[in-house]
Amino acid sequence: MNKLVTTVLLGTACVTGCTQMPLKPNTETVAVKLKEAGYATALIGKWGLGTETTTGAPNLQGFDHYYGYLYQVFAHNHTPEYLLENGGFVAIAK
């Protein structure tokens, strides 16, 4: 995943393995490159490379819109209480 998201080879990426370490500011992500080319970008699903309060938040890494999980462990629960959309909480009805 790191190669696709950050355009660097695995093993040389700033995030490797299964950690909750956020991406660093000014990381060159695919989303940043797509925006530079004039595309709109969105992330739907599991991110795990930074939460809404870190430098790895999707909106700080080139994504115009995101919806889903930002925490690795939330993806283990098939019935979460909420998802995140652009920094806000979206409650999931049970």
PDB file of N, CA and C in Angstrom:
ATOM      1  N   MET A   1       0.821  -1.199   0.000  1.00  0.00           N
ATOM      2  CA  MET A   1       0.000   0.000   0.000  1.00  0.00           C
ATOM      3  C   MET A   1       0.855   1.249   0.000  1.00  0.00           C
ATOM      4  N   ASN A   2       1.932   1.273   0.735  1.00  0.00           N
ATOM      5  CA  ASN A   2       2.755   2.472   0.808  1.00  0.00           C
ATOM      6  C   ASN A   2       3.265   2.894  -0.556  1.00  0.00           C
ATOM      7  N   LYS A   3       3.632   1.943  -1.405  1.00  0.00           N
ATOM      8  CA  LYS A   3       4.135   2.291  -2.728  1.00  0.00           C
ATOM      9  C   LYS A   3       3.070   3.021  -3.529  1.00  0.00           C
ATOM     10  N   LEU A   4       1.841   2.549  -3.466  1.00  0.00           N
ATOM     11  CA  LEU A   4       0.763   3.183  -4.206  1.00  0.00           C
ATOM     12  C   LEU A   4       0.425   4.550  -3.634  1.00  0.00           C
ATOM     13  N   VAL A   5       0.312   4.653  -2.336  1.00  0.00           N
ATOM     14  CA  VAL A   5      -0.107   5.906  -1.711  1.00  0.00           C
ATOM     15  C   VAL A   5       0.992   6.951  -1.736  1.00  0.00           C
ATOM     16  N   THR A   6       2.230   6.555  -1.441  1.00  0.00           N
ATOM     17  CA  THR A   6       3.291   7.545  -1.290  1.00  0.00           C
ATOM     18  C   THR A   6       4.254   7.605  -2.457  1.00  0.00           C
ATOM     19  N   THR A   7       4.112   6.779  -3.447  1.00  0.00           N
ATOM     20  CA  THR A   7       4.971   6.724  -4.633  1.00  0.00           C
ATOM     21  C   THR A   7       6.418   6.356  -4.320  1.00  0.00           C
ATOM     22  N   VAL A   8       6.667   5.691  -3.178  1.00  0.00           N
ATOM     23  CA  VAL A   8       8.010   5.205  -2.859  1.00  0.00           C
ATOM     24  C   VAL A   8       7.973   3.701  -2.673  1.00  0.00           C
ATOM     25  N   LEU A   9       9.121   3.066  -2.751  1.00  0.00           N
ATOM     26  CA  LEU A   9       9.186   1.625  -2.584  1.00  0.00           C
ATOM     27  C   LEU A   9       8.978   1.214  -1.138  1.00  0.00           C
ATOM     28  N   LEU A  10       8.311   0.074  -0.938  1.00  0.00           N
ATOM     29  CA  LEU A  10       8.175  -0.455   0.416  1.00  0.00           C
ATOM     30  C   LEU A  10       9.552  -0.657   1.016  1.00  0.00           C
ATOM     31  N   GLY A  11       9.662  -0.445   2.291  1.00  0.00           N
ATOM     32  CA  GLY A  11      10.946  -0.570   2.954  1.00  0.00           C
ATOM     33  C   GLY A  11      11.671   0.758   3.033  1.00  0.00           C
ATOM     34  N   THR A  12      11.383   1.669   2.106  1.00  0.00           N
ATOM     35  CA  THR A  12      11.974   3.003   2.165  1.00  0.00           C
ATOM     36  C   THR A  12      10.920   4.039   2.543  1.00  0.00           C
ATOM     37  N   ALA A  13       9.688   3.598   2.688  1.00  0.00           N
ATOM     38  CA  ALA A  13       8.605   4.517   3.043  1.00  0.00           C
ATOM     39  C   ALA A  13       8.720   4.935   4.500  1.00  0.00           C
ATOM     40  N   CYS A  14       8.143   6.087   4.836  1.00  0.00           N
ATOM     41  CA  CYS A  14       8.195   6.555   6.219  1.00  0.00           C
ATOM     42  C   CYS A  14       7.260   5.749   7.108  1.00  0.00           C
ATOM     43  N   VAL A  15       6.318   5.025   6.530  1.00  0.00           N
ATOM     44  CA  VAL A  15       5.404   4.168   7.292  1.00  0.00           C
ATOM     45  C   VAL A  15       5.534   2.766   6.721  1.00  0.00           C
ATOM     46  N   THR A  16       5.940   1.823   7.548  1.00  0.00           N
ATOM     47  CA  THR A  16       6.023   0.437   7.105  1.00  0.00           C
ATOM     48  C   THR A  16       5.379  -0.454   8.145  1.00  0.00           C
ATOM     49  N   GLY A  17       4.958  -1.626   7.740  1.00  0.00           N
ATOM     50  CA  GLY A  17       4.337  -2.558   8.679  1.00  0.00           C
ATOM     51  C   GLY A  17       2.929  -2.140   9.027  1.00  0.00           C
ATOM     52  N   CYS A  18       2.423  -2.662  10.097  1.00  0.00           N
ATOM     53  CA  CYS A  18       1.045  -2.399  10.537  1.00  0.00           C
ATOM     54  C   CYS A  18       1.087  -1.492  11.754  1.00  0.00           C
ATOM     55  N   THR A  19       1.343  -0.212  11.529  1.00  0.00           N
ATOM     56  CA  THR A  19       1.437   0.749  12.622  1.00  0.00           C
ATOM     57  C   THR A  19       0.360   1.807  12.452  1.00  0.00           C
ATOM     58  N   GLN A  20       0.219   2.661  13.441  1.00  0.00           N
ATOM     59  CA  GLN A  20      -0.713   3.777  13.367  1.00  0.00           C
ATOM     60  C   GLN A  20       0.081   5.085  13.330  1.00  0.00           C
ATOM     61  N   MET A  21       1.259   5.058  12.726  1.00  0.00           N
ATOM     62  CA  MET A  21       2.083   6.253  12.602  1.00  0.00           C
ATOM     63  C   MET A  21       1.567   7.091  11.437  1.00  0.00           C
ATOM     64  N   PRO A  22       1.378   8.397  11.631  1.00  0.00           N
ATOM     65  CA  PRO A  22       0.870   9.231  10.537  1.00  0.00           C
ATOM     66  C   PRO A  22       1.944   9.537   9.502  1.00  0.00           C
ATOM     67  N   LEU A  23       1.490   9.794   8.284  1.00  0.00           N
ATOM     68  CA  LEU A  23       2.399  10.281   7.253  1.00  0.00           C
ATOM     69  C   LEU A  23       2.940  11.637   7.674  1.00  0.00           C
ATOM     70  N   LYS A  24       4.131  11.937   7.228  1.00  0.00           N
ATOM     71  CA  LYS A  24       4.753  13.219   7.551  1.00  0.00           C
ATOM     72  C   LYS A  24       4.166  14.325   6.669  1.00  0.00           C
ATOM     73  N   PRO A  25       4.241  15.576   7.140  1.00  0.00           N
ATOM     74  CA  PRO A  25       3.787  16.688   6.289  1.00  0.00           C
ATOM     75  C   PRO A  25       4.579  16.692   4.978  1.00  0.00           C
ATOM     76  N   ASN A  26       3.960  17.129   3.934  1.00  0.00           N
ATOM     77  CA  ASN A  26       4.583  17.245   2.602  1.00  0.00           C
ATOM     78  C   ASN A  26       4.985  15.903   2.000  1.00  0.00           C
ATOM     79  N   THR A  27       4.364  14.796   2.460  1.00  0.00           N
ATOM     80  CA  THR A  27       4.600  13.509   1.831  1.00  0.00           C
ATOM     81  C   THR A  27       4.013  13.553   0.423  1.00  0.00           C
ATOM     82  N   GLU A  28       4.751  13.080  -0.548  1.00  0.00           N
ATOM     83  CA  GLU A  28       4.278  13.090  -1.930  1.00  0.00           C
ATOM     84  C   GLU A  28       3.378  11.871  -2.149  1.00  0.00           C
ATOM     85  N   THR A  29       2.081  12.050  -2.021  1.00  0.00           N
ATOM     86  CA  THR A  29       1.131  10.954  -2.215  1.00  0.00           C
ATOM     87  C   THR A  29       0.589  10.956  -3.634  1.00  0.00           C
ATOM     88  N   VAL A  30      -0.012   9.856  -4.013  1.00  0.00           N
ATOM     89  CA  VAL A  30      -0.650   9.777  -5.330  1.00  0.00           C
ATOM     90  C   VAL A  30      -1.748  10.836  -5.435  1.00  0.00           C
ATOM     91  N   ALA A  31      -2.471  11.068  -4.334  1.00  0.00           N
ATOM     92  CA  ALA A  31      -3.532  12.077  -4.348  1.00  0.00           C
ATOM     93  C   ALA A  31      -2.968  13.463  -4.662  1.00  0.00           C
ATOM     94  N   VAL A  32      -1.828  13.797  -4.093  1.00  0.00           N
ATOM     95  CA  VAL A  32      -1.190  15.089  -4.375  1.00  0.00           C
ATOM     96  C   VAL A  32      -0.845  15.192  -5.858  1.00  0.00           C
ATOM     97  N   LYS A  33      -0.274  14.136  -6.410  1.00  0.00           N
ATOM     98  CA  LYS A  33       0.097  14.134  -7.826  1.00  0.00           C
ATOM     99  C   LYS A  33      -1.129  14.259  -8.728  1.00  0.00           C
ATOM    100  N   LEU A  34      -2.213  13.566  -8.368  1.00  0.00           N
ATOM    101  CA  LEU A  34      -3.441  13.659  -9.164  1.00  0.00           C
ATOM    102  C   LEU A  34      -4.021  15.067  -9.117  1.00  0.00           C
ATOM    103  N   LYS A  35      -3.998  15.698  -7.946  1.00  0.00           N
ATOM    104  CA  LYS A  35      -4.493  17.074  -7.831  1.00  0.00           C
ATOM    105  C   LYS A  35      -3.653  18.028  -8.679  1.00  0.00           C
ATOM    106  N   GLU A  36      -2.334  17.812  -8.676  1.00  0.00           N
ATOM    107  CA  GLU A  36      -1.453  18.647  -9.498  1.00  0.00           C
ATOM    108  C   GLU A  36      -1.802  18.529 -10.977  1.00  0.00           C
ATOM    109  N   ALA A  37      -2.325  17.368 -11.371  1.00  0.00           N
ATOM    110  CA  ALA A  37      -2.724  17.137 -12.765  1.00  0.00           C
ATOM    111  C   ALA A  37      -4.157  17.591 -13.039  1.00  0.00           C
ATOM    112  N   GLY A  38      -4.824  18.164 -12.029  1.00  0.00           N
ATOM    113  CA  GLY A  38      -6.161  18.704 -12.227  1.00  0.00           C
ATOM    114  C   GLY A  38      -7.309  17.795 -11.839  1.00  0.00           C
ATOM    115  N   TYR A  39      -7.016  16.635 -11.249  1.00  0.00           N
ATOM    116  CA  TYR A  39      -8.070  15.702 -10.846  1.00  0.00           C
ATOM    117  C   TYR A  39      -8.615  16.043  -9.462  1.00  0.00           C
ATOM    118  N   ALA A  40      -9.877  15.714  -9.236  1.00  0.00           N
ATOM    119  CA  ALA A  40     -10.457  15.727  -7.895  1.00  0.00           C
ATOM    120  C   ALA A  40     -10.131  14.370  -7.273  1.00  0.00           C
ATOM    121  N   THR A  41      -9.941  14.345  -5.955  1.00  0.00           N
ATOM    122  CA  THR A  41      -9.536  13.105  -5.292  1.00  0.00           C
ATOM    123  C   THR A  41     -10.472  12.764  -4.149  1.00  0.00           C
ATOM    124  N   ALA A  42     -10.648  11.474  -3.913  1.00  0.00           N
ATOM    125  CA  ALA A  42     -11.477  11.007  -2.803  1.00  0.00           C
ATOM    126  C   ALA A  42     -10.898   9.707  -2.263  1.00  0.00           C
ATOM    127  N   LEU A  43     -11.090   9.491  -0.983  1.00  0.00           N
ATOM    128  CA  LEU A  43     -10.690   8.264  -0.318  1.00  0.00           C
ATOM    129  C   LEU A  43     -11.925   7.694   0.345  1.00  0.00           C
ATOM    130  N   ILE A  44     -12.276   6.492  -0.019  1.00  0.00           N
ATOM    131  CA  ILE A  44     -13.426   5.814   0.568  1.00  0.00           C
ATOM    132  C   ILE A  44     -12.920   4.490   1.122  1.00  0.00           C
ATOM    133  N   GLY A  45     -13.079   4.278   2.428  1.00  0.00           N
ATOM    134  CA  GLY A  45     -12.640   3.016   3.026  1.00  0.00           C
ATOM    135  C   GLY A  45     -11.685   3.213   4.171  1.00  0.00           C
ATOM    136  N   LYS A  46     -10.717   2.309   4.300  1.00  0.00           N
ATOM    137  CA  LYS A  46      -9.768   2.303   5.422  1.00  0.00           C
ATOM    138  C   LYS A  46      -8.509   3.065   5.045  1.00  0.00           C
ATOM    139  N   TRP A  47      -8.117   4.025   5.869  1.00  0.00           N
ATOM    140  CA  TRP A  47      -6.922   4.824   5.617  1.00  0.00           C
ATOM    141  C   TRP A  47      -5.766   4.323   6.461  1.00  0.00           C
ATOM    142  N   GLY A  48      -5.746   4.522   7.752  1.00  0.00           N
ATOM    143  CA  GLY A  48      -4.712   3.979   8.625  1.00  0.00           C
ATOM    144  C   GLY A  48      -3.352   4.630   8.527  1.00  0.00           C
ATOM    145  N   LEU A  49      -3.222   5.757   7.819  1.00  0.00           N
ATOM    146  CA  LEU A  49      -1.930   6.440   7.715  1.00  0.00           C
ATOM    147  C   LEU A  49      -1.948   7.793   8.406  1.00  0.00           C
ATOM    148  N   GLY A  50      -2.917   7.970   9.288  1.00  0.00           N
ATOM    149  CA  GLY A  50      -3.039   9.197  10.064  1.00  0.00           C
ATOM    150  C   GLY A  50      -4.492   9.467  10.387  1.00  0.00           C
ATOM    151  N   THR A  51      -4.740   9.942  11.597  1.00  0.00           N
ATOM    152  CA  THR A  51      -6.106  10.234  12.035  1.00  0.00           C
ATOM    153  C   THR A  51      -6.437  11.699  11.770  1.00  0.00           C
ATOM    154  N   GLU A  52      -7.660  12.081  12.088  1.00  0.00           N
ATOM    155  CA  GLU A  52      -8.130  13.434  11.767  1.00  0.00           C
ATOM    156  C   GLU A  52      -7.355  14.524  12.499  1.00  0.00           C
ATOM    157  N   THR A  53      -6.617  14.178  13.554  1.00  0.00           N
ATOM    158  CA  THR A  53      -5.876  15.188  14.327  1.00  0.00           C
ATOM    159  C   THR A  53      -4.369  15.116  14.093  1.00  0.00           C
ATOM    160  N   THR A  54      -3.925  14.409  13.054  1.00  0.00           N
ATOM    161  CA  THR A  54      -2.489  14.268  12.798  1.00  0.00           C
ATOM    162  C   THR A  54      -2.121  14.810  11.423  1.00  0.00           C
ATOM    163  N   THR A  55      -0.824  14.848  11.153  1.00  0.00           N
ATOM    164  CA  THR A  55      -0.332  15.300   9.847  1.00  0.00           C
ATOM    165  C   THR A  55      -0.654  14.313   8.735  1.00  0.00           C
ATOM    166  N   GLY A  56      -1.085  13.105   9.095  1.00  0.00           N
ATOM    167  CA  GLY A  56      -1.434  12.101   8.103  1.00  0.00           C
ATOM    168  C   GLY A  56      -2.899  12.081   7.727  1.00  0.00           C
ATOM    169  N   ALA A  57      -3.696  13.013   8.241  1.00  0.00           N
ATOM    170  CA  ALA A  57      -5.124  13.058   7.898  1.00  0.00           C
ATOM    171  C   ALA A  57      -5.284  13.143   6.385  1.00  0.00           C
ATOM    172  N   PRO A  58      -6.244  12.409   5.825  1.00  0.00           N
ATOM    173  CA  PRO A  58      -6.393  12.378   4.357  1.00  0.00           C
ATOM    174  C   PRO A  58      -6.507  13.754   3.711  1.00  0.00           C
ATOM    175  N   ASN A  59      -7.230  14.678   4.346  1.00  0.00           N
ATOM    176  CA  ASN A  59      -7.386  16.001   3.748  1.00  0.00           C
ATOM    177  C   ASN A  59      -6.082  16.805   3.770  1.00  0.00           C
ATOM    178  N   LEU A  60      -5.113  16.383   4.586  1.00  0.00           N
ATOM    179  CA  LEU A  60      -3.797  17.025   4.586  1.00  0.00           C
ATOM    180  C   LEU A  60      -2.804  16.294   3.683  1.00  0.00           C
ATOM    181  N   GLN A  61      -3.252  15.191   3.082  1.00  0.00           N
ATOM    182  CA  GLN A  61      -2.393  14.393   2.206  1.00  0.00           C
ATOM    183  C   GLN A  61      -2.915  14.345   0.771  1.00  0.00           C
ATOM    184  N   GLY A  62      -3.695  15.373   0.396  1.00  0.00           N
ATOM    185  CA  GLY A  62      -4.099  15.522  -0.996  1.00  0.00           C
ATOM    186  C   GLY A  62      -5.506  15.084  -1.350  1.00  0.00           C
ATOM    187  N   PHE A  63      -6.256  14.546  -0.403  1.00  0.00           N
ATOM    188  CA  PHE A  63      -7.608  14.093  -0.714  1.00  0.00           C
ATOM    189  C   PHE A  63      -8.616  15.219  -0.489  1.00  0.00           C
ATOM    190  N   ASP A  64      -9.470  15.448  -1.491  1.00  0.00           N
ATOM    191  CA  ASP A  64     -10.525  16.460  -1.382  1.00  0.00           C
ATOM    192  C   ASP A  64     -11.653  15.975  -0.478  1.00  0.00           C
ATOM    193  N   HIS A  65     -11.894  14.674  -0.485  1.00  0.00           N
ATOM    194  CA  HIS A  65     -13.013  14.096   0.262  1.00  0.00           C
ATOM    195  C   HIS A  65     -12.588  12.735   0.804  1.00  0.00           C
ATOM    196  N   TYR A  66     -13.006  12.428   2.033  1.00  0.00           N
ATOM    197  CA  TYR A  66     -12.812  11.069   2.537  1.00  0.00           C
ATOM    198  C   TYR A  66     -14.009  10.634   3.364  1.00  0.00           C
ATOM    199  N   TYR A  67     -14.231   9.325   3.364  1.00  0.00           N
ATOM    200  CA  TYR A  67     -15.333   8.723   4.102  1.00  0.00           C
ATOM    201  C   TYR A  67     -14.919   7.307   4.489  1.00  0.00           C
ATOM    202  N   GLY A  68     -14.931   7.009   5.759  1.00  0.00           N
ATOM    203  CA  GLY A  68     -14.591   5.651   6.181  1.00  0.00           C
ATOM    204  C   GLY A  68     -13.869   5.608   7.508  1.00  0.00           C
ATOM    205  N   TYR A  69     -12.947   4.658   7.612  1.00  0.00           N
ATOM    206  CA  TYR A  69     -12.170   4.433   8.825  1.00  0.00           C
ATOM    207  C   TYR A  69     -10.836   5.163   8.737  1.00  0.00           C
ATOM    208  N   LEU A  70     -10.412   5.762   9.846  1.00  0.00           N
ATOM    209  CA  LEU A  70      -9.064   6.307   9.914  1.00  0.00           C
ATOM    210  C   LEU A  70      -8.215   5.536  10.915  1.00  0.00           C
ATOM    211  N   TYR A  71      -8.832   4.656  11.675  1.00  0.00           N
ATOM    212  CA  TYR A  71      -8.131   3.869  12.691  1.00  0.00           C
ATOM    213  C   TYR A  71      -8.110   2.413  12.250  1.00  0.00           C
ATOM    214  N   GLN A  72      -6.932   1.792  12.278  1.00  0.00           N
ATOM    215  CA  GLN A  72      -6.785   0.404  11.840  1.00  0.00           C
ATOM    216  C   GLN A  72      -7.759  -0.543  12.534  1.00  0.00           C
ATOM    217  N   VAL A  73      -7.907  -0.433  13.861  1.00  0.00           N
ATOM    218  CA  VAL A  73      -8.713  -1.407  14.607  1.00  0.00           C
ATOM    219  C   VAL A  73     -10.203  -1.294  14.297  1.00  0.00           C
ATOM    220  N   PHE A  74     -10.678  -0.142  13.851  1.00  0.00           N
ATOM    221  CA  PHE A  74     -12.099  -0.002  13.524  1.00  0.00           C
ATOM    222  C   PHE A  74     -12.486  -0.909  12.364  1.00  0.00           C
ATOM    223  N   ALA A  75     -11.561  -1.176  11.483  1.00  0.00           N
ATOM    224  CA  ALA A  75     -11.849  -2.029  10.332  1.00  0.00           C
ATOM    225  C   ALA A  75     -12.059  -3.482  10.738  1.00  0.00           C
ATOM    226  N   HIS A  76     -11.709  -3.847  11.959  1.00  0.00           N
ATOM    227  CA  HIS A  76     -11.902  -5.212  12.437  1.00  0.00           C
ATOM    228  C   HIS A  76     -13.335  -5.442  12.903  1.00  0.00           C
ATOM    229  N   ASN A  77     -14.083  -4.368  13.087  1.00  0.00           N
ATOM    230  CA  ASN A  77     -15.458  -4.441  13.572  1.00  0.00           C
ATOM    231  C   ASN A  77     -16.395  -4.215  12.378  1.00  0.00           C
ATOM    232  N   HIS A  78     -17.176  -5.208  12.040  1.00  0.00           N
ATOM    233  CA  HIS A  78     -18.054  -5.092  10.868  1.00  0.00           C
ATOM    234  C   HIS A  78     -19.280  -4.225  11.122  1.00  0.00           C
ATOM    235  N   THR A  79     -19.513  -3.842  12.367  1.00  0.00           N
ATOM    236  CA  THR A  79     -20.643  -2.967  12.693  1.00  0.00           C
ATOM    237  C   THR A  79     -20.156  -1.807  13.568  1.00  0.00           C
ATOM    238  N   PRO A  80     -19.419  -0.861  12.977  1.00  0.00           N
ATOM    239  CA  PRO A  80     -18.897   0.257  13.770  1.00  0.00           C
ATOM    240  C   PRO A  80     -20.020   1.183  14.234  1.00  0.00           C
ATOM    241  N   GLU A  81     -19.744   1.924  15.284  1.00  0.00           N
ATOM    242  CA  GLU A  81     -20.721   2.908  15.776  1.00  0.00           C
ATOM    243  C   GLU A  81     -20.763   4.146  14.885  1.00  0.00           C
ATOM    244  N   TYR A  82     -19.643   4.446  14.242  1.00  0.00           N
ATOM    245  CA  TYR A  82     -19.590   5.618  13.365  1.00  0.00           C
ATOM    246  C   TYR A  82     -18.479   5.456  12.329  1.00  0.00           C
ATOM    247  N   LEU A  83     -18.564   6.265  11.290  1.00  0.00           N
ATOM    248  CA  LEU A  83     -17.500   6.435  10.307  1.00  0.00           C
ATOM    249  C   LEU A  83     -17.142   7.918  10.303  1.00  0.00           C
ATOM    250  N   LEU A  84     -16.082   8.273   9.627  1.00  0.00           N
ATOM    251  CA  LEU A  84     -15.679   9.672   9.540  1.00  0.00           C
ATOM    252  C   LEU A  84     -15.834  10.162   8.109  1.00  0.00           C
ATOM    253  N   GLU A  85     -16.316  11.388   7.996  1.00  0.00           N
ATOM    254  CA  GLU A  85     -16.446  12.025   6.682  1.00  0.00           C
ATOM    255  C   GLU A  85     -15.895  13.435   6.772  1.00  0.00           C
ATOM    256  N   ASN A  86     -14.772  13.677   6.115  1.00  0.00           N
ATOM    257  CA  ASN A  86     -14.149  14.989   6.094  1.00  0.00           C
ATOM    258  C   ASN A  86     -13.979  15.599   7.491  1.00  0.00           C
ATOM    259  N   GLY A  87     -13.574  14.776   8.445  1.00  0.00           N
ATOM    260  CA  GLY A  87     -13.316  15.256   9.801  1.00  0.00           C
ATOM    261  C   GLY A  87     -14.511  15.199  10.730  1.00  0.00           C
ATOM    262  N   GLY A  88     -15.683  14.900  10.220  1.00  0.00           N
ATOM    263  CA  GLY A  88     -16.880  14.813  11.053  1.00  0.00           C
ATOM    264  C   GLY A  88     -17.320  13.379  11.256  1.00  0.00           C
ATOM    265  N   PHE A  89     -18.049  13.146  12.328  1.00  0.00           N
ATOM    266  CA  PHE A  89     -18.547  11.814  12.655  1.00  0.00           C
ATOM    267  C   PHE A  89     -19.900  11.574  11.984  1.00  0.00           C
ATOM    268  N   VAL A  90     -20.074  10.386  11.426  1.00  0.00           N
ATOM    269  CA  VAL A  90     -21.342   9.971  10.838  1.00  0.00           C
ATOM    270  C   VAL A  90     -21.787   8.743  11.610  1.00  0.00           C
ATOM    271  N   ALA A  91     -22.857   8.896  12.402  1.00  0.00           N
ATOM    272  CA  ALA A  91     -23.353   7.779  13.223  1.00  0.00           C
ATOM    273  C   ALA A  91     -23.939   6.694  12.324  1.00  0.00           C
ATOM    274  N   ILE A  92     -23.710   5.455  12.708  1.00  0.00           N
ATOM    275  CA  ILE A  92     -24.253   4.303  11.998  1.00  0.00           C
ATOM    276  C   ILE A  92     -25.406   3.734  12.839  1.00  0.00           C
ATOM    277  N   ALA A  93     -26.590   3.681  12.263  1.00  0.00           N
ATOM    278  CA  ALA A  93     -27.750   3.156  12.983  1.00  0.00           C
ATOM    279  C   ALA A  93     -27.588   1.656  13.198  1.00  0.00           C
ATOM    280  N   LYS A  94     -27.928   1.205  14.377  1.00  0.00           N
ATOM    281  CA  LYS A  94     -27.836  -0.237  14.710  1.00  0.00           C
ATOM    282  C   LYS A  94     -29.179  -0.907  14.528  1.00  0.00           C
TER     283      LYS A  94
END
